[in-house]
Amino acid sequence: MQTLSKEDIQFIECFLLKLNIKFIDVRLELTDHLATEFEQESKYILLEDFLKTKVRFIKDFETKRQKSIHWSYQRLLLKQVIKFYYKPKFIIFNVLIFLIVYSFVNFSQLKNGFISLLLTIFIINMVGFAKRSYKEKDFKKLQIAQPLYSIMALPSLFLYLSNIIKTPLLEQPIFFVIYFYIALLFNVSGLMVLLKKKNDISNYYKMIN
């Protein structure tokens, strides 16, 4: 078993930079992985020889990690939606969301309610995207920040589909209530997850710098 020096670790980082691994978090994870593998399993004497055999792995690692991060954010969105059905503090909010949609059916014309709810969903989406006010030059250095706003992709889909199925929604109050209840639930959940992850990423960036 070999033990790498601080200079060896720096050599790995330089090797990754030469391969255009630009994201700081990817380089940190790869450096740790490659250093551990070389120390515990490598049969190579020279670190450089070992790293040359890992070029394909390094390239694939960055691509696979990007997909993994994207889908992890989507799972967080779904988990947040589910929390509205079993966590007490969210159940109350869940009922409130339903009552908001239901009130549009009972206290206004469906057409007016349709426009109002579209506007509500649009505003929630805009609030989410307005949070790009973070230091983008810093976030651009992290791979985990790249798919951050994909969290709002699924919630936004309800906004676009609503115009396509506008006629049946306006003709059937029950469909109207169900559709916009789910739409608002996903949009609120998406905004909550986005803001939390943004804060987590910001703290992580501060920690590694």
N, C-alpha and C. Protein backbone atom coordinates (compact mmCIF):
# COMPACT_ATOMS: atom_id res chain seq x y z
N MET A 1 0.84 -1.20 0.00
CA MET A 1 0.00 0.00 0.00
C MET A 1 0.88 1.25 0.00
N GLN A 2 0.59 2.17 -0.94
CA GLN A 2 1.36 3.40 -1.05
C GLN A 2 0.60 4.56 -0.40
N THR A 3 1.37 5.51 0.09
CA THR A 3 0.77 6.70 0.69
C THR A 3 1.17 7.92 -0.13
N LEU A 4 0.17 8.66 -0.61
CA LEU A 4 0.44 9.82 -1.46
C LEU A 4 0.78 11.05 -0.61
N SER A 5 1.68 11.83 -1.13
CA SER A 5 2.07 13.07 -0.47
C SER A 5 1.15 14.20 -0.93
N LYS A 6 1.31 15.35 -0.30
CA LYS A 6 0.53 16.53 -0.69
C LYS A 6 0.84 16.91 -2.14
N GLU A 7 2.09 16.72 -2.53
CA GLU A 7 2.50 17.03 -3.90
C GLU A 7 1.82 16.08 -4.89
N ASP A 8 1.66 14.82 -4.49
CA ASP A 8 0.99 13.84 -5.34
C ASP A 8 -0.48 14.24 -5.55
N ILE A 9 -1.12 14.68 -4.49
CA ILE A 9 -2.53 15.11 -4.57
C ILE A 9 -2.64 16.30 -5.53
N GLN A 10 -1.70 17.22 -5.44
CA GLN A 10 -1.70 18.37 -6.32
C GLN A 10 -1.46 17.95 -7.77
N PHE A 11 -0.65 16.92 -7.94
CA PHE A 11 -0.38 16.39 -9.28
C PHE A 11 -1.67 15.83 -9.88
N ILE A 12 -2.47 15.12 -9.07
CA ILE A 12 -3.75 14.58 -9.55
C ILE A 12 -4.66 15.73 -9.97
N GLU A 13 -4.73 16.76 -9.16
CA GLU A 13 -5.58 17.92 -9.47
C GLU A 13 -5.15 18.58 -10.78
N CYS A 14 -3.85 18.71 -10.98
CA CYS A 14 -3.33 19.30 -12.22
C CYS A 14 -3.66 18.41 -13.42
N PHE A 15 -3.58 17.11 -13.22
CA PHE A 15 -3.90 16.15 -14.28
C PHE A 15 -5.37 16.31 -14.69
N LEU A 16 -6.24 16.48 -13.70
CA LEU A 16 -7.67 16.65 -13.98
C LEU A 16 -7.94 17.97 -14.70
N LEU A 17 -7.22 19.00 -14.34
CA LEU A 17 -7.37 20.30 -15.01
C LEU A 17 -6.95 20.20 -16.48
N LYS A 18 -5.90 19.43 -16.74
CA LYS A 18 -5.44 19.24 -18.12
C LYS A 18 -6.49 18.50 -18.95
N LEU A 19 -7.31 17.69 -18.28
CA LEU A 19 -8.39 16.97 -18.97
C LEU A 19 -9.66 17.81 -19.04
N ASN A 20 -9.54 19.07 -18.64
CA ASN A 20 -10.65 20.03 -18.69
C ASN A 20 -11.79 19.66 -17.74
N ILE A 21 -11.45 19.12 -16.59
CA ILE A 21 -12.45 18.88 -15.54
C ILE A 21 -12.56 20.20 -14.78
N LYS A 22 -13.51 21.03 -15.20
CA LYS A 22 -13.56 22.42 -14.73
C LYS A 22 -14.31 22.61 -13.42
N PHE A 23 -15.20 21.68 -13.06
CA PHE A 23 -15.99 21.88 -11.85
C PHE A 23 -15.20 21.47 -10.61
N ILE A 24 -15.19 22.37 -9.63
CA ILE A 24 -14.42 22.14 -8.40
C ILE A 24 -14.87 20.88 -7.67
N ASP A 25 -16.20 20.71 -7.53
CA ASP A 25 -16.72 19.57 -6.78
C ASP A 25 -16.40 18.25 -7.46
N VAL A 26 -16.38 18.25 -8.80
CA VAL A 26 -16.01 17.02 -9.54
C VAL A 26 -14.54 16.69 -9.29
N ARG A 27 -13.69 17.71 -9.33
CA ARG A 27 -12.26 17.48 -9.11
C ARG A 27 -11.99 16.97 -7.70
N LEU A 28 -12.69 17.52 -6.72
CA LEU A 28 -12.52 17.07 -5.34
C LEU A 28 -12.88 15.60 -5.20
N GLU A 29 -14.03 15.24 -5.77
CA GLU A 29 -14.49 13.86 -5.65
C GLU A 29 -13.58 12.90 -6.41
N LEU A 30 -13.17 13.31 -7.61
CA LEU A 30 -12.28 12.46 -8.41
C LEU A 30 -10.90 12.33 -7.76
N THR A 31 -10.40 13.42 -7.23
CA THR A 31 -9.09 13.38 -6.57
C THR A 31 -9.10 12.40 -5.41
N ASP A 32 -10.14 12.48 -4.61
CA ASP A 32 -10.27 11.57 -3.47
C ASP A 32 -10.37 10.11 -3.94
N HIS A 33 -11.18 9.90 -4.97
CA HIS A 33 -11.37 8.53 -5.49
C HIS A 33 -10.08 7.97 -6.08
N LEU A 34 -9.43 8.75 -6.92
CA LEU A 34 -8.21 8.29 -7.58
C LEU A 34 -7.07 8.08 -6.59
N ALA A 35 -6.95 8.96 -5.63
CA ALA A 35 -5.90 8.83 -4.62
C ALA A 35 -6.11 7.56 -3.79
N THR A 36 -7.35 7.31 -3.40
CA THR A 36 -7.67 6.12 -2.61
C THR A 36 -7.39 4.85 -3.40
N GLU A 37 -7.83 4.85 -4.66
CA GLU A 37 -7.61 3.66 -5.49
C GLU A 37 -6.13 3.39 -5.71
N PHE A 38 -5.35 4.45 -5.95
CA PHE A 38 -3.92 4.27 -6.17
C PHE A 38 -3.23 3.74 -4.92
N GLU A 39 -3.62 4.26 -3.77
CA GLU A 39 -2.99 3.85 -2.51
C GLU A 39 -3.34 2.41 -2.13
N GLN A 40 -4.58 2.00 -2.42
CA GLN A 40 -5.06 0.71 -1.92
C GLN A 40 -5.00 -0.42 -2.93
N GLU A 41 -5.15 -0.08 -4.23
CA GLU A 41 -5.32 -1.16 -5.21
C GLU A 41 -4.34 -1.13 -6.38
N SER A 42 -3.75 0.02 -6.65
CA SER A 42 -2.94 0.14 -7.86
C SER A 42 -1.66 -0.70 -7.82
N LYS A 43 -1.35 -1.29 -8.98
CA LYS A 43 -0.11 -2.05 -9.14
C LYS A 43 0.96 -1.20 -9.81
N TYR A 44 0.58 0.03 -10.14
CA TYR A 44 1.53 0.93 -10.78
C TYR A 44 2.44 1.57 -9.74
N ILE A 45 3.67 1.77 -10.15
CA ILE A 45 4.64 2.43 -9.26
C ILE A 45 4.54 3.95 -9.40
N LEU A 46 4.43 4.40 -10.65
CA LEU A 46 4.33 5.83 -10.92
C LEU A 46 2.88 6.28 -10.96
N LEU A 47 2.60 7.35 -10.26
CA LEU A 47 1.24 7.90 -10.22
C LEU A 47 0.77 8.32 -11.61
N GLU A 48 1.66 8.91 -12.39
CA GLU A 48 1.31 9.38 -13.73
C GLU A 48 0.85 8.23 -14.62
N ASP A 49 1.54 7.08 -14.53
CA ASP A 49 1.15 5.92 -15.33
C ASP A 49 -0.25 5.44 -14.94
N PHE A 50 -0.51 5.44 -13.66
CA PHE A 50 -1.83 5.05 -13.16
C PHE A 50 -2.91 5.98 -13.70
N LEU A 51 -2.67 7.28 -13.64
CA LEU A 51 -3.67 8.26 -14.06
C LEU A 51 -3.97 8.17 -15.56
N LYS A 52 -2.96 7.84 -16.34
CA LYS A 52 -3.17 7.71 -17.79
C LYS A 52 -4.15 6.59 -18.13
N THR A 53 -4.20 5.59 -17.27
CA THR A 53 -5.14 4.49 -17.51
C THR A 53 -6.56 4.85 -17.08
N LYS A 54 -6.71 5.99 -16.43
CA LYS A 54 -8.01 6.39 -15.88
C LYS A 54 -8.69 7.53 -16.65
N VAL A 55 -8.14 7.87 -17.81
CA VAL A 55 -8.69 8.99 -18.58
C VAL A 55 -10.15 8.74 -18.96
N ARG A 56 -10.45 7.57 -19.48
CA ARG A 56 -11.83 7.25 -19.87
C ARG A 56 -12.76 7.27 -18.66
N PHE A 57 -12.29 6.70 -17.57
CA PHE A 57 -13.09 6.69 -16.33
C PHE A 57 -13.40 8.12 -15.88
N ILE A 58 -12.40 8.99 -15.95
CA ILE A 58 -12.57 10.37 -15.51
C ILE A 58 -13.62 11.08 -16.35
N LYS A 59 -13.55 10.91 -17.66
CA LYS A 59 -14.52 11.54 -18.56
C LYS A 59 -15.93 11.01 -18.31
N ASP A 60 -16.03 9.69 -18.17
CA ASP A 60 -17.35 9.08 -17.93
C ASP A 60 -17.90 9.49 -16.57
N PHE A 61 -17.03 9.64 -15.60
CA PHE A 61 -17.44 10.00 -14.24
C PHE A 61 -18.18 11.33 -14.24
N GLU A 62 -17.63 12.32 -14.94
CA GLU A 62 -18.24 13.64 -14.97
C GLU A 62 -19.63 13.59 -15.61
N THR A 63 -19.76 12.84 -16.70
CA THR A 63 -21.05 12.74 -17.40
C THR A 63 -22.09 12.02 -16.56
N LYS A 64 -21.69 10.89 -15.98
CA LYS A 64 -22.63 10.12 -15.16
C LYS A 64 -23.04 10.88 -13.90
N ARG A 65 -22.11 11.63 -13.35
CA ARG A 65 -22.41 12.41 -12.14
C ARG A 65 -23.44 13.49 -12.44
N GLN A 66 -23.34 14.09 -13.62
CA GLN A 66 -24.29 15.13 -14.01
C GLN A 66 -25.71 14.56 -14.05
N LYS A 67 -25.86 13.38 -14.66
CA LYS A 67 -27.18 12.74 -14.74
C LYS A 67 -27.67 12.36 -13.35
N SER A 68 -26.76 11.86 -12.54
CA SER A 68 -27.12 11.45 -11.18
C SER A 68 -27.64 12.62 -10.36
N ILE A 69 -26.97 13.77 -10.49
CA ILE A 69 -27.38 14.96 -9.76
C ILE A 69 -28.77 15.41 -10.22
N HIS A 70 -28.97 15.41 -11.54
CA HIS A 70 -30.28 15.83 -12.09
C HIS A 70 -31.41 14.99 -11.51
N TRP A 71 -31.24 13.67 -11.54
CA TRP A 71 -32.31 12.79 -11.07
C TRP A 71 -32.44 12.82 -9.55
N SER A 72 -31.37 13.13 -8.85
CA SER A 72 -31.47 13.25 -7.39
C SER A 72 -32.33 14.46 -7.03
N TYR A 73 -32.24 15.52 -7.82
CA TYR A 73 -33.07 16.71 -7.59
C TYR A 73 -34.54 16.41 -7.88
N GLN A 74 -34.78 15.61 -8.91
CA GLN A 74 -36.17 15.25 -9.22
C GLN A 74 -36.77 14.38 -8.11
N ARG A 75 -35.95 13.50 -7.53
CA ARG A 75 -36.43 12.68 -6.41
C ARG A 75 -36.73 13.54 -5.19
N LEU A 76 -35.91 14.56 -4.98
CA LEU A 76 -36.17 15.48 -3.87
C LEU A 76 -37.50 16.19 -4.05
N LEU A 77 -37.81 16.56 -5.29
CA LEU A 77 -39.09 17.21 -5.58
C LEU A 77 -40.26 16.28 -5.24
N LEU A 78 -40.18 15.03 -5.68
CA LEU A 78 -41.25 14.07 -5.41
C LEU A 78 -41.38 13.78 -3.92
N LYS A 79 -40.24 13.70 -3.24
CA LYS A 79 -40.28 13.46 -1.79
C LYS A 79 -40.95 14.63 -1.07
N GLN A 80 -40.69 15.84 -1.56
CA GLN A 80 -41.31 17.01 -0.94
C GLN A 80 -42.83 17.00 -1.16
N VAL A 81 -43.25 16.60 -2.36
CA VAL A 81 -44.69 16.49 -2.64
C VAL A 81 -45.33 15.50 -1.69
N ILE A 82 -44.69 14.35 -1.49
CA ILE A 82 -45.22 13.30 -0.61
C ILE A 82 -45.29 13.78 0.84
N LYS A 83 -44.36 14.63 1.25
CA LYS A 83 -44.36 15.14 2.62
C LYS A 83 -45.64 15.89 2.96
N PHE A 84 -46.29 16.44 1.94
CA PHE A 84 -47.53 17.18 2.16
C PHE A 84 -48.66 16.27 2.63
N TYR A 85 -48.43 14.95 2.57
CA TYR A 85 -49.49 14.00 2.93
C TYR A 85 -49.23 13.25 4.24
N TYR A 86 -48.05 13.46 4.83
CA TYR A 86 -47.83 12.74 6.09
C TYR A 86 -47.15 13.57 7.18
N LYS A 87 -46.57 14.70 6.83
CA LYS A 87 -45.96 15.55 7.85
C LYS A 87 -46.98 16.61 8.29
N PRO A 88 -47.26 16.67 9.58
CA PRO A 88 -48.29 17.59 10.08
C PRO A 88 -48.17 19.03 9.59
N LYS A 89 -46.96 19.58 9.63
CA LYS A 89 -46.81 20.99 9.24
C LYS A 89 -47.11 21.21 7.76
N PHE A 90 -46.93 20.16 6.95
CA PHE A 90 -47.22 20.27 5.52
C PHE A 90 -48.68 19.92 5.21
N ILE A 91 -49.27 19.05 6.02
CA ILE A 91 -50.67 18.66 5.79
C ILE A 91 -51.59 19.89 5.86
N ILE A 92 -51.33 20.74 6.83
CA ILE A 92 -52.13 21.97 6.97
C ILE A 92 -51.99 22.84 5.72
N PHE A 93 -50.77 22.96 5.24
CA PHE A 93 -50.51 23.75 4.05
C PHE A 93 -51.15 23.10 2.82
N ASN A 94 -51.14 21.78 2.80
CA ASN A 94 -51.75 21.01 1.72
C ASN A 94 -53.24 21.32 1.62
N VAL A 95 -53.91 21.30 2.77
CA VAL A 95 -55.35 21.61 2.83
C VAL A 95 -55.59 23.04 2.34
N LEU A 96 -54.70 23.94 2.72
CA LEU A 96 -54.83 25.34 2.31
C LEU A 96 -54.73 25.47 0.79
N ILE A 97 -53.79 24.75 0.18
CA ILE A 97 -53.64 24.77 -1.28
C ILE A 97 -54.93 24.30 -1.94
N PHE A 98 -55.50 23.21 -1.42
CA PHE A 98 -56.74 22.68 -1.99
C PHE A 98 -57.88 23.69 -1.86
N LEU A 99 -57.97 24.33 -0.70
CA LEU A 99 -59.04 25.30 -0.48
C LEU A 99 -58.90 26.52 -1.38
N ILE A 100 -57.65 26.91 -1.65
CA ILE A 100 -57.42 28.04 -2.55
C ILE A 100 -57.97 27.73 -3.94
N VAL A 101 -57.66 26.54 -4.44
CA VAL A 101 -58.15 26.15 -5.76
C VAL A 101 -59.66 26.00 -5.75
N TYR A 102 -60.17 25.36 -4.72
CA TYR A 102 -61.62 25.12 -4.62
C TYR A 102 -62.39 26.43 -4.57
N SER A 103 -61.81 27.43 -3.92
CA SER A 103 -62.49 28.72 -3.79
C SER A 103 -62.65 29.40 -5.14
N PHE A 104 -61.70 29.17 -6.05
CA PHE A 104 -61.80 29.77 -7.38
C PHE A 104 -63.00 29.22 -8.15
N VAL A 105 -63.36 27.97 -7.85
CA VAL A 105 -64.50 27.35 -8.52
C VAL A 105 -65.81 27.85 -7.94
N ASN A 106 -65.85 28.05 -6.64
CA ASN A 106 -67.10 28.39 -5.96
C ASN A 106 -67.36 29.89 -5.86
N PHE A 107 -66.32 30.68 -5.86
CA PHE A 107 -66.52 32.12 -5.65
C PHE A 107 -66.15 32.97 -6.85
N SER A 108 -65.84 32.33 -7.97
CA SER A 108 -65.59 33.08 -9.19
C SER A 108 -65.96 32.22 -10.38
N GLN A 109 -66.10 32.84 -11.52
CA GLN A 109 -66.35 32.06 -12.73
C GLN A 109 -65.11 31.23 -13.05
N LEU A 110 -65.35 30.08 -13.66
CA LEU A 110 -64.22 29.20 -13.97
C LEU A 110 -63.18 29.91 -14.83
N LYS A 111 -63.66 30.70 -15.77
CA LYS A 111 -62.72 31.38 -16.66
C LYS A 111 -61.82 32.34 -15.88
N ASN A 112 -62.42 33.08 -14.97
CA ASN A 112 -61.63 34.00 -14.14
C ASN A 112 -60.68 33.23 -13.23
N GLY A 113 -61.20 32.11 -12.68
CA GLY A 113 -60.36 31.26 -11.84
C GLY A 113 -59.20 30.67 -12.60
N PHE A 114 -59.46 30.29 -13.84
CA PHE A 114 -58.42 29.72 -14.71
C PHE A 114 -57.28 30.72 -14.89
N ILE A 115 -57.64 31.95 -15.21
CA ILE A 115 -56.63 32.99 -15.43
C ILE A 115 -55.88 33.30 -14.14
N SER A 116 -56.60 33.36 -13.04
CA SER A 116 -55.98 33.67 -11.75
C SER A 116 -54.99 32.61 -11.32
N LEU A 117 -55.37 31.34 -11.52
CA LEU A 117 -54.48 30.25 -11.12
C LEU A 117 -53.27 30.16 -12.04
N LEU A 118 -53.47 30.42 -13.33
CA LEU A 118 -52.33 30.47 -14.24
C LEU A 118 -51.35 31.54 -13.79
N LEU A 119 -51.87 32.68 -13.40
CA LEU A 119 -51.04 33.78 -12.93
C LEU A 119 -50.30 33.39 -11.65
N THR A 120 -51.00 32.69 -10.76
CA THR A 120 -50.38 32.24 -9.50
C THR A 120 -49.20 31.31 -9.76
N ILE A 121 -49.42 30.32 -10.64
CA ILE A 121 -48.36 29.36 -10.97
C ILE A 121 -47.20 30.08 -11.65
N PHE A 122 -47.54 31.01 -12.53
CA PHE A 122 -46.50 31.78 -13.24
C PHE A 122 -45.64 32.56 -12.25
N ILE A 123 -46.29 33.18 -11.28
CA ILE A 123 -45.56 33.97 -10.28
C ILE A 123 -44.63 33.08 -9.45
N ILE A 124 -45.12 31.89 -9.06
CA ILE A 124 -44.29 30.96 -8.29
C ILE A 124 -43.05 30.57 -9.08
N ASN A 125 -43.25 30.31 -10.39
CA ASN A 125 -42.12 29.96 -11.24
C ASN A 125 -41.14 31.12 -11.36
N MET A 126 -41.68 32.33 -11.51
CA MET A 126 -40.81 33.50 -11.65
C MET A 126 -40.03 33.78 -10.36
N VAL A 127 -40.67 33.54 -9.22
CA VAL A 127 -39.96 33.70 -7.95
C VAL A 127 -38.78 32.76 -7.90
N GLY A 128 -39.01 31.50 -8.35
CA GLY A 128 -37.94 30.51 -8.37
C GLY A 128 -36.79 30.93 -9.25
N PHE A 129 -37.10 31.36 -10.47
CA PHE A 129 -36.04 31.72 -11.39
C PHE A 129 -35.40 33.06 -11.03
N ALA A 130 -36.13 33.89 -10.31
CA ALA A 130 -35.57 35.16 -9.87
C ALA A 130 -34.45 34.94 -8.86
N LYS A 131 -34.43 33.76 -8.25
CA LYS A 131 -33.41 33.45 -7.26
C LYS A 131 -32.05 33.19 -7.90
N ARG A 132 -31.96 33.43 -9.19
CA ARG A 132 -30.66 33.37 -9.86
C ARG A 132 -29.77 34.54 -9.44
N SER A 133 -30.24 35.30 -8.49
CA SER A 133 -29.48 36.45 -8.03
C SER A 133 -28.26 36.03 -7.21
N TYR A 134 -28.06 34.71 -7.00
CA TYR A 134 -26.86 34.27 -6.32
C TYR A 134 -25.62 34.61 -7.16
N LYS A 135 -24.44 34.47 -6.57
CA LYS A 135 -23.20 34.78 -7.28
C LYS A 135 -22.96 33.71 -8.35
N GLU A 136 -23.44 33.98 -9.55
CA GLU A 136 -23.36 32.98 -10.61
C GLU A 136 -21.92 32.60 -10.94
N LYS A 137 -21.00 33.53 -10.83
CA LYS A 137 -19.61 33.22 -11.17
C LYS A 137 -19.05 32.15 -10.24
N ASP A 138 -19.56 32.10 -9.01
CA ASP A 138 -19.14 31.06 -8.07
C ASP A 138 -19.86 29.76 -8.36
N PHE A 139 -21.16 29.83 -8.58
CA PHE A 139 -21.95 28.63 -8.81
C PHE A 139 -21.57 27.93 -10.11
N LYS A 140 -21.04 28.69 -11.07
CA LYS A 140 -20.63 28.09 -12.33
C LYS A 140 -19.45 27.15 -12.14
N LYS A 141 -18.80 27.24 -10.99
CA LYS A 141 -17.64 26.38 -10.72
C LYS A 141 -18.05 25.04 -10.13
N LEU A 142 -19.35 24.87 -9.86
CA LEU A 142 -19.83 23.64 -9.23
C LEU A 142 -20.79 22.89 -10.15
N GLN A 143 -20.51 21.62 -10.34
CA GLN A 143 -21.41 20.81 -11.18
C GLN A 143 -22.78 20.65 -10.53
N ILE A 144 -22.82 20.57 -9.20
CA ILE A 144 -24.09 20.35 -8.51
C ILE A 144 -25.04 21.53 -8.69
N ALA A 145 -24.52 22.68 -9.12
CA ALA A 145 -25.38 23.85 -9.33
C ALA A 145 -25.96 23.91 -10.74
N GLN A 146 -25.38 23.15 -11.67
CA GLN A 146 -25.80 23.27 -13.06
C GLN A 146 -27.26 22.85 -13.30
N PRO A 147 -27.71 21.71 -12.74
CA PRO A 147 -29.10 21.30 -12.98
C PRO A 147 -30.08 21.82 -11.93
N LEU A 148 -29.65 22.82 -11.15
CA LEU A 148 -30.46 23.29 -10.03
C LEU A 148 -31.86 23.72 -10.47
N TYR A 149 -31.93 24.48 -11.56
CA TYR A 149 -33.23 25.01 -11.98
C TYR A 149 -34.07 24.01 -12.78
N SER A 150 -33.51 22.83 -13.02
CA SER A 150 -34.32 21.77 -13.62
C SER A 150 -35.36 21.28 -12.63
N ILE A 151 -35.19 21.64 -11.36
CA ILE A 151 -36.17 21.28 -10.33
C ILE A 151 -37.54 21.84 -10.70
N MET A 152 -37.56 23.00 -11.35
CA MET A 152 -38.83 23.64 -11.69
C MET A 152 -39.37 23.21 -13.05
N ALA A 153 -38.69 22.29 -13.72
CA ALA A 153 -39.13 21.86 -15.05
C ALA A 153 -40.49 21.16 -14.99
N LEU A 154 -40.63 20.19 -14.10
CA LEU A 154 -41.90 19.46 -13.99
C LEU A 154 -43.03 20.37 -13.50
N PRO A 155 -42.81 21.18 -12.44
CA PRO A 155 -43.86 22.11 -12.04
C PRO A 155 -44.28 23.06 -13.16
N SER A 156 -43.33 23.51 -13.97
CA SER A 156 -43.64 24.43 -15.07
C SER A 156 -44.48 23.77 -16.14
N LEU A 157 -44.35 22.46 -16.26
CA LEU A 157 -45.08 21.72 -17.28
C LEU A 157 -46.59 21.88 -17.11
N PHE A 158 -47.05 21.97 -15.86
CA PHE A 158 -48.48 22.16 -15.62
C PHE A 158 -48.98 23.47 -16.20
N LEU A 159 -48.12 24.48 -16.20
CA LEU A 159 -48.49 25.78 -16.73
C LEU A 159 -48.69 25.70 -18.24
N TYR A 160 -47.78 25.01 -18.92
CA TYR A 160 -47.86 24.91 -20.37
C TYR A 160 -49.01 23.99 -20.83
N LEU A 161 -49.24 22.92 -20.10
CA LEU A 161 -50.29 21.97 -20.48
C LEU A 161 -51.69 22.54 -20.25
N SER A 162 -51.80 23.46 -19.32
CA SER A 162 -53.12 23.99 -18.97
C SER A 162 -53.83 24.62 -20.17
N ASN A 163 -53.07 25.29 -21.04
CA ASN A 163 -53.67 25.90 -22.22
C ASN A 163 -54.10 24.86 -23.25
N ILE A 164 -53.37 23.75 -23.28
CA ILE A 164 -53.71 22.69 -24.23
C ILE A 164 -55.02 22.01 -23.84
N ILE A 165 -55.23 21.82 -22.52
CA ILE A 165 -56.44 21.14 -22.05
C ILE A 165 -57.42 22.14 -21.41
N LYS A 166 -57.35 23.37 -21.85
CA LYS A 166 -58.16 24.44 -21.27
C LYS A 166 -59.66 24.14 -21.36
N THR A 167 -60.12 23.66 -22.51
CA THR A 167 -61.56 23.43 -22.72
C THR A 167 -62.15 22.43 -21.73
N PRO A 168 -61.58 21.22 -21.61
CA PRO A 168 -62.15 20.27 -20.62
C PRO A 168 -62.05 20.77 -19.19
N LEU A 169 -61.01 21.55 -18.89
CA LEU A 169 -60.87 22.08 -17.54
C LEU A 169 -62.01 23.06 -17.21
N LEU A 170 -62.36 23.88 -18.19
CA LEU A 170 -63.42 24.86 -17.97
C LEU A 170 -64.81 24.24 -18.02
N GLU A 171 -64.91 23.09 -18.65
CA GLU A 171 -66.21 22.43 -18.75
C GLU A 171 -66.50 21.54 -17.55
N GLN A 172 -65.45 21.05 -16.91
CA GLN A 172 -65.63 20.12 -15.78
C GLN A 172 -64.97 20.69 -14.52
N PRO A 173 -65.75 21.27 -13.62
CA PRO A 173 -65.19 21.86 -12.39
C PRO A 173 -64.33 20.89 -11.59
N ILE A 174 -64.70 19.61 -11.56
CA ILE A 174 -63.92 18.64 -10.76
C ILE A 174 -62.52 18.46 -11.35
N PHE A 175 -62.42 18.43 -12.68
CA PHE A 175 -61.12 18.33 -13.34
C PHE A 175 -60.30 19.60 -13.09
N PHE A 176 -61.00 20.72 -13.10
CA PHE A 176 -60.37 22.01 -12.84
C PHE A 176 -59.71 22.02 -11.47
N VAL A 177 -60.46 21.59 -10.46
CA VAL A 177 -59.97 21.57 -9.08
C VAL A 177 -58.78 20.63 -8.94
N ILE A 178 -58.92 19.42 -9.44
CA ILE A 178 -57.86 18.40 -9.31
C ILE A 178 -56.58 18.86 -10.02
N TYR A 179 -56.74 19.35 -11.25
CA TYR A 179 -55.56 19.73 -12.04
C TYR A 179 -54.79 20.87 -11.38
N PHE A 180 -55.49 21.92 -11.00
CA PHE A 180 -54.79 23.07 -10.44
C PHE A 180 -54.33 22.84 -9.01
N TYR A 181 -55.00 21.95 -8.31
CA TYR A 181 -54.52 21.57 -6.97
C TYR A 181 -53.16 20.89 -7.10
N ILE A 182 -53.07 19.91 -8.01
CA ILE A 182 -51.80 19.20 -8.23
C ILE A 182 -50.73 20.16 -8.75
N ALA A 183 -51.13 21.05 -9.67
CA ALA A 183 -50.19 22.01 -10.25
C ALA A 183 -49.60 22.91 -9.17
N LEU A 184 -50.45 23.44 -8.31
CA LEU A 184 -49.96 24.32 -7.25
C LEU A 184 -49.09 23.55 -6.25
N LEU A 185 -49.50 22.32 -5.96
CA LEU A 185 -48.74 21.50 -5.02
C LEU A 185 -47.32 21.26 -5.53
N PHE A 186 -47.20 20.94 -6.81
CA PHE A 186 -45.88 20.68 -7.40
C PHE A 186 -45.06 21.97 -7.49
N ASN A 187 -45.71 23.08 -7.80
CA ASN A 187 -44.98 24.34 -7.92
C ASN A 187 -44.47 24.82 -6.57
N VAL A 188 -45.29 24.73 -5.54
CA VAL A 188 -44.85 25.11 -4.20
C VAL A 188 -43.72 24.19 -3.73
N SER A 189 -43.88 22.88 -3.97
CA SER A 189 -42.85 21.91 -3.59
C SER A 189 -41.54 22.19 -4.32
N GLY A 190 -41.65 22.48 -5.63
CA GLY A 190 -40.45 22.77 -6.42
C GLY A 190 -39.71 23.99 -5.91
N LEU A 191 -40.47 25.03 -5.57
CA LEU A 191 -39.85 26.25 -5.05
C LEU A 191 -39.15 26.00 -3.72
N MET A 192 -39.78 25.18 -2.86
CA MET A 192 -39.20 24.87 -1.56
C MET A 192 -37.89 24.10 -1.72
N VAL A 193 -37.88 23.11 -2.60
CA VAL A 193 -36.68 22.31 -2.82
C VAL A 193 -35.58 23.16 -3.45
N LEU A 194 -35.95 23.98 -4.42
CA LEU A 194 -34.97 24.82 -5.10
C LEU A 194 -34.27 25.76 -4.11
N LEU A 195 -35.05 26.42 -3.27
CA LEU A 195 -34.47 27.37 -2.32
C LEU A 195 -33.57 26.67 -1.29
N LYS A 196 -34.00 25.48 -0.86
CA LYS A 196 -33.19 24.73 0.11
C LYS A 196 -31.87 24.28 -0.51
N LYS A 197 -31.95 23.73 -1.73
CA LYS A 197 -30.73 23.26 -2.39
C LYS A 197 -29.80 24.43 -2.72
N LYS A 198 -30.37 25.56 -3.09
CA LYS A 198 -29.56 26.74 -3.37
C LYS A 198 -28.77 27.13 -2.12
N ASN A 199 -29.42 27.10 -0.98
CA ASN A 199 -28.75 27.43 0.28
C ASN A 199 -27.68 26.40 0.63
N ASP A 200 -27.99 25.12 0.42
CA ASP A 200 -27.03 24.04 0.69
C ASP A 200 -25.79 24.18 -0.19
N ILE A 201 -26.01 24.49 -1.48
CA ILE A 201 -24.90 24.63 -2.41
C ILE A 201 -24.04 25.84 -2.05
N SER A 202 -24.70 26.92 -1.65
CA SER A 202 -23.97 28.12 -1.25
C SER A 202 -23.08 27.83 -0.05
N ASN A 203 -23.60 27.11 0.93
CA ASN A 203 -22.82 26.75 2.12
C ASN A 203 -21.67 25.80 1.76
N TYR A 204 -21.94 24.88 0.84
CA TYR A 204 -20.91 23.94 0.40
C TYR A 204 -19.77 24.67 -0.29
N TYR A 205 -20.12 25.65 -1.13
CA TYR A 205 -19.10 26.42 -1.85
C TYR A 205 -18.20 27.18 -0.86
N LYS A 206 -18.84 27.75 0.16
CA LYS A 206 -18.07 28.49 1.17
C LYS A 206 -17.12 27.56 1.92
N MET A 207 -17.56 26.32 2.13
CA MET A 207 -16.78 25.36 2.89
C MET A 207 -15.53 24.91 2.13
N ILE A 208 -15.65 24.76 0.81
CA ILE A 208 -14.52 24.23 0.03
C ILE A 208 -13.60 25.33 -0.49
N ASN A 209 -13.95 26.58 -0.18
CA ASN A 209 -13.09 27.68 -0.63
C ASN A 209 -12.45 28.39 0.56
